Amino acid sequence: MSTMQRKVWTTVAVSAIAAAAGIALSSAPFAASPADTPAAATQGMGHPGMSMGDHAMGGQGGSMQDMQHDSKMSEMMQQHHQMMAHMQQMHGGMLTMPGQDAFGAIQEVVRALEADPKTDWAKVDLEALRQHLIDMSDVTLLATAATKPIDGGVEIAVTGSGRTLAAIQRMVPAHAAEINGLHGWSVKSASLTDGVLLTVTSTDPKEIQHIRGLGFIGILVSGSHHQLHHMAMAKGEFPHGR
């Protein structure tokens, strides 16, 4: 439970206690009314026509106060239940993580597509996006990246086998083409038997250090084309593999 939720629950508890205390105080005059004092009780018992049951009722005024007390209790309980239901809704609404990053990325795309009245559902291809996200996972987590400093930047041999190799061959050359020229970089890719050779260089000494500091994964995430690429793929504007 977060700090904000604990504060809200504390407020609910304090409010309930305060309400209960207010009801108790409001009924106190009735409990201490003259009719209930020992002297009055003795006097009432001395009347031949008054039974113990008649005394316990406390008269018509007492019955009205009992009804008001019950009404207040009922109202307080109803308010408490409403607050509890509202808290449950708030708790449910505060969840933001879908539990899996690719699932969340696709969920975000679906919401955007559904919010756009111009979406052509006949062309939507979420499976292509799912396959691309699998490629991203393989290249990010399973590929081997051997980095070698060269004049002006780095040379990175990105290698793998099986599906990871196929993902490298699809993603790395496409990404190199997308970021070529970013920050004044020169970005090139060349085929290897088991992967792709990625070369990133610059003539700016500061950018050379930038490139070397980023390394493979930092270069891979550079640029702002990923989200646009994913949306275009989901809309079926170009197939997976590009």
Protein backbone atom coordinates (compact mmCIF):
# COMPACT_ATOMS: atom_id res chain seq x y z
CA MET A 1 0.00 0.00 0.00
CA SER A 2 1.41 3.40 -0.98
CA THR A 3 1.83 6.37 1.39
CA MET A 4 -1.10 8.15 -0.27
CA GLN A 5 -3.37 5.12 0.18
CA ARG A 6 -2.37 4.82 3.88
CA LYS A 7 -3.24 8.48 4.40
CA VAL A 8 -6.64 8.05 2.76
CA TRP A 9 -7.43 4.93 4.84
CA THR A 10 -6.38 6.80 8.01
CA THR A 11 -8.71 9.65 7.10
CA VAL A 12 -11.58 7.19 6.58
CA ALA A 13 -10.95 5.58 9.98
CA VAL A 14 -10.72 8.93 11.81
CA SER A 15 -13.92 10.14 10.13
CA ALA A 16 -15.78 6.99 11.18
CA ILE A 17 -14.57 7.33 14.79
CA ALA A 18 -15.50 11.02 14.87
CA ALA A 19 -18.96 10.26 13.51
CA ALA A 20 -19.51 7.53 16.08
CA ALA A 21 -18.36 9.86 18.88
CA GLY A 22 -20.76 12.56 17.64
CA ILE A 23 -23.68 10.15 17.74
CA ALA A 24 -22.75 9.03 21.24
CA LEU A 25 -22.62 12.64 22.43
CA SER A 26 -25.92 13.50 20.76
CA SER A 27 -27.65 10.67 22.62
CA ALA A 28 -26.03 11.56 25.96
CA PRO A 29 -28.73 14.11 27.03
CA PHE A 30 -31.36 11.44 26.60
CA ALA A 31 -29.37 9.03 28.73
CA ALA A 32 -28.98 11.65 31.47
CA SER A 33 -32.48 13.16 31.21
CA PRO A 34 -34.40 13.83 34.42
CA ALA A 35 -36.68 10.89 33.73
CA ASP A 36 -33.71 8.55 34.07
CA THR A 37 -32.22 9.98 37.29
CA PRO A 38 -32.43 7.72 40.35
CA ALA A 39 -34.96 10.02 41.99
CA ALA A 40 -37.22 10.10 38.98
CA ALA A 41 -36.92 6.36 38.59
CA THR A 42 -37.93 5.87 42.21
CA GLN A 43 -40.85 8.23 41.78
CA GLY A 44 -41.99 6.43 38.65
CA MET A 45 -41.85 3.10 40.38
CA GLY A 46 -44.00 4.54 43.18
CA HIS A 47 -46.96 5.11 40.83
CA PRO A 48 -49.32 2.15 41.08
CA GLY A 49 -50.31 2.30 37.37
CA MET A 50 -46.75 2.40 35.89
CA SER A 51 -45.07 -0.88 35.05
CA MET A 52 -41.33 -1.47 34.61
CA GLY A 53 -41.90 -1.80 30.84
CA ASP A 54 -43.53 1.65 30.72
CA HIS A 55 -40.51 3.15 32.51
CA ALA A 56 -38.01 1.45 30.20
CA MET A 57 -39.62 3.04 27.14
CA GLY A 58 -38.75 6.46 28.53
CA GLY A 59 -41.91 8.04 27.14
CA GLN A 60 -42.70 9.27 23.64
CA GLY A 61 -39.67 11.65 23.61
CA GLY A 62 -37.30 8.77 24.32
CA SER A 63 -38.68 6.69 21.44
CA MET A 64 -38.19 9.59 19.01
CA GLN A 65 -34.57 10.00 20.10
CA ASP A 66 -33.99 6.27 19.65
CA MET A 67 -35.33 6.53 16.10
CA GLN A 68 -33.09 9.52 15.37
CA HIS A 69 -30.10 7.64 16.80
CA ASP A 70 -30.82 4.60 14.59
CA SER A 71 -31.26 6.86 11.57
CA LYS A 72 -27.88 8.49 12.18
CA MET A 73 -26.20 5.12 12.60
CA SER A 74 -27.75 3.87 9.36
CA GLU A 75 -26.67 7.00 7.51
CA MET A 76 -23.13 6.71 8.86
CA MET A 77 -22.86 3.05 7.83
CA GLN A 78 -24.16 3.86 4.34
CA GLN A 79 -21.57 6.61 3.98
CA HIS A 80 -18.87 4.23 5.20
CA HIS A 81 -19.83 1.60 2.60
CA GLN A 82 -19.82 4.24 -0.12
CA MET A 83 -16.36 5.41 0.92
CA MET A 84 -15.10 1.82 0.96
CA ALA A 85 -16.45 1.22 -2.54
CA HIS A 86 -14.83 4.46 -3.72
CA MET A 87 -11.50 3.40 -2.18
CA GLN A 88 -11.67 0.07 -4.00
CA GLN A 89 -12.28 1.90 -7.28
CA MET A 90 -9.37 4.22 -6.59
CA HIS A 91 -7.11 1.28 -5.78
CA GLY A 92 -8.09 -0.47 -9.00
CA GLY A 93 -7.59 2.70 -11.03
CA MET A 94 -4.07 3.22 -9.66
CA LEU A 95 -2.67 0.10 -11.31
CA THR A 96 -0.54 1.08 -14.29
CA MET A 97 1.77 -1.83 -15.06
CA PRO A 98 0.37 -4.57 -17.33
CA GLY A 99 2.85 -7.14 -15.98
CA GLN A 100 4.85 -7.62 -19.17
CA ASP A 101 6.55 -4.96 -21.28
CA ALA A 102 5.58 -6.24 -24.75
CA PHE A 103 2.01 -6.78 -23.58
CA GLY A 104 1.95 -3.20 -22.30
CA ALA A 105 3.38 -1.81 -25.56
CA ILE A 106 0.69 -3.55 -27.60
CA GLN A 107 -2.00 -2.49 -25.13
CA GLU A 108 -0.92 1.12 -25.56
CA VAL A 109 -1.13 0.79 -29.35
CA VAL A 110 -4.60 -0.80 -29.17
CA ARG A 111 -5.89 2.06 -27.02
CA ALA A 112 -4.51 4.59 -29.51
CA LEU A 113 -6.07 2.75 -32.44
CA GLU A 114 -9.45 2.50 -30.72
CA ALA A 115 -9.36 6.20 -29.85
CA ASP A 116 -8.73 7.15 -33.48
CA PRO A 117 -11.96 7.15 -35.53
CA LYS A 118 -9.87 7.01 -38.72
CA THR A 119 -8.35 3.61 -37.86
CA ASP A 120 -8.78 1.16 -40.73
CA TRP A 121 -9.28 -2.12 -38.87
CA ALA A 122 -9.09 -4.06 -42.13
CA LYS A 123 -5.38 -3.13 -42.30
CA VAL A 124 -4.43 -3.41 -38.62
CA ASP A 125 -1.67 -6.01 -38.07
CA LEU A 126 -0.92 -6.41 -34.37
CA GLU A 127 0.71 -9.79 -35.00
CA ALA A 128 3.42 -8.04 -37.03
CA LEU A 129 4.03 -5.73 -34.08
CA ARG A 130 4.17 -8.70 -31.70
CA GLN A 131 6.78 -10.41 -33.87
CA HIS A 132 8.81 -7.21 -33.99
CA LEU A 133 8.71 -6.92 -30.19
CA ILE A 134 10.00 -10.49 -29.97
CA ASP A 135 12.87 -9.43 -32.24
CA MET A 136 13.56 -6.49 -29.95
CA SER A 137 13.64 -8.78 -26.93
CA ASP A 138 16.01 -11.23 -28.64
CA VAL A 139 18.41 -8.53 -29.82
CA THR A 140 18.34 -6.69 -26.50
CA LEU A 141 18.67 -9.69 -24.19
CA LEU A 142 20.12 -12.60 -26.17
CA ALA A 143 22.47 -11.17 -28.81
CA THR A 144 26.21 -11.02 -28.18
CA ALA A 145 27.74 -7.58 -28.75
CA ALA A 146 31.54 -7.41 -29.02
CA THR A 147 32.59 -3.75 -29.09
CA LYS A 148 35.97 -2.56 -30.41
CA PRO A 149 37.08 1.11 -30.27
CA ILE A 150 38.19 2.45 -33.67
CA ASP A 151 39.23 5.87 -34.94
CA GLY A 152 36.25 8.16 -34.49
CA GLY A 153 33.99 5.71 -32.65
CA VAL A 154 33.23 2.02 -32.30
CA GLU A 155 32.81 -1.16 -34.28
CA ILE A 156 30.36 -3.68 -32.82
CA ALA A 157 29.99 -7.31 -33.89
CA VAL A 158 26.40 -8.26 -33.04
CA THR A 159 26.04 -12.03 -33.26
CA GLY A 160 23.69 -14.85 -32.34
CA SER A 161 22.08 -18.05 -33.58
CA GLY A 162 18.65 -19.35 -34.51
CA ARG A 163 15.85 -16.87 -34.06
CA THR A 164 18.21 -14.39 -32.41
CA LEU A 165 20.38 -14.32 -35.55
CA ALA A 166 17.30 -13.67 -37.70
CA ALA A 167 16.24 -10.87 -35.34
CA ILE A 168 19.71 -9.28 -35.55
CA GLN A 169 19.63 -9.40 -39.33
CA ARG A 170 16.20 -7.74 -39.39
CA MET A 171 16.73 -5.09 -36.74
CA VAL A 172 20.33 -3.87 -36.76
CA PRO A 173 20.65 -2.82 -40.45
CA ALA A 174 17.21 -1.14 -40.32
CA HIS A 175 18.15 0.71 -37.16
CA ALA A 176 21.50 1.78 -38.60
CA ALA A 177 19.72 3.34 -41.56
CA GLU A 178 17.28 5.15 -39.26
CA ILE A 179 19.91 6.79 -37.03
CA ASN A 180 22.54 7.53 -39.65
CA GLY A 181 23.19 11.28 -39.33
CA LEU A 182 21.80 11.53 -35.78
CA HIS A 183 24.09 13.83 -33.75
CA GLY A 184 26.30 14.01 -36.83
CA TRP A 185 27.09 10.28 -36.59
CA SER A 186 28.03 8.06 -39.50
CA VAL A 187 26.27 4.73 -38.98
CA LYS A 188 26.87 1.71 -41.20
CA SER A 189 26.10 -2.00 -41.08
CA ALA A 190 27.65 -4.99 -42.84
CA SER A 191 26.71 -8.66 -42.87
CA LEU A 192 28.61 -11.29 -40.89
CA THR A 193 28.12 -15.04 -41.15
CA ASP A 194 26.58 -15.08 -37.67
CA GLY A 195 25.25 -11.55 -37.38
CA VAL A 196 25.86 -7.92 -38.30
CA LEU A 197 28.85 -5.59 -37.96
CA LEU A 198 27.67 -2.16 -36.77
CA THR A 199 30.03 0.80 -37.18
CA VAL A 200 29.30 4.19 -35.61
CA THR A 201 31.74 7.11 -35.93
CA SER A 202 31.92 10.88 -35.68
CA THR A 203 34.40 13.67 -36.40
CA ASP A 204 33.38 15.53 -33.22
CA PRO A 205 35.61 14.52 -30.25
CA LYS A 206 32.66 14.97 -27.85
CA GLU A 207 30.45 12.73 -29.96
CA ILE A 208 33.18 10.11 -30.18
CA GLN A 209 33.11 9.87 -26.39
CA HIS A 210 29.32 9.90 -26.50
CA ILE A 211 29.26 6.97 -28.92
CA ARG A 212 31.75 4.95 -26.92
CA GLY A 213 29.89 5.66 -23.69
CA LEU A 214 26.57 4.52 -25.16
CA GLY A 215 27.90 1.23 -26.47
CA PHE A 216 25.67 -1.21 -28.35
CA ILE A 217 22.49 -0.97 -26.31
CA GLY A 218 22.70 2.81 -25.96
CA ILE A 219 23.12 3.21 -29.71
CA LEU A 220 20.29 0.74 -30.29
CA VAL A 221 17.80 2.82 -28.28
CA SER A 222 18.92 6.16 -29.75
CA GLY A 223 16.51 8.19 -31.83
CA SER A 224 12.77 8.71 -31.48
CA HIS A 225 11.55 6.61 -34.38
CA HIS A 226 10.65 3.48 -32.39
CA GLN A 227 7.14 4.54 -31.34
CA LEU A 228 6.25 5.81 -34.82
CA HIS A 229 7.65 2.61 -36.29
CA HIS A 230 5.50 0.50 -33.97
CA MET A 231 2.33 2.43 -34.74
CA ALA A 232 2.93 2.25 -38.48
CA MET A 233 3.54 -1.50 -38.22
CA ALA A 234 0.36 -2.00 -36.17
CA LYS A 235 -1.63 -0.08 -38.80
CA GLY A 236 -0.32 -2.42 -41.47
CA GLU A 237 1.57 0.33 -43.29
CA PHE A 238 4.59 -1.94 -43.79
CA PRO A 239 5.22 -5.57 -42.88
CA HIS A 240 7.37 -7.05 -40.15
CA GLY A 241 10.99 -7.51 -41.21
CA ARG A 242 11.61 -3.94 -42.31
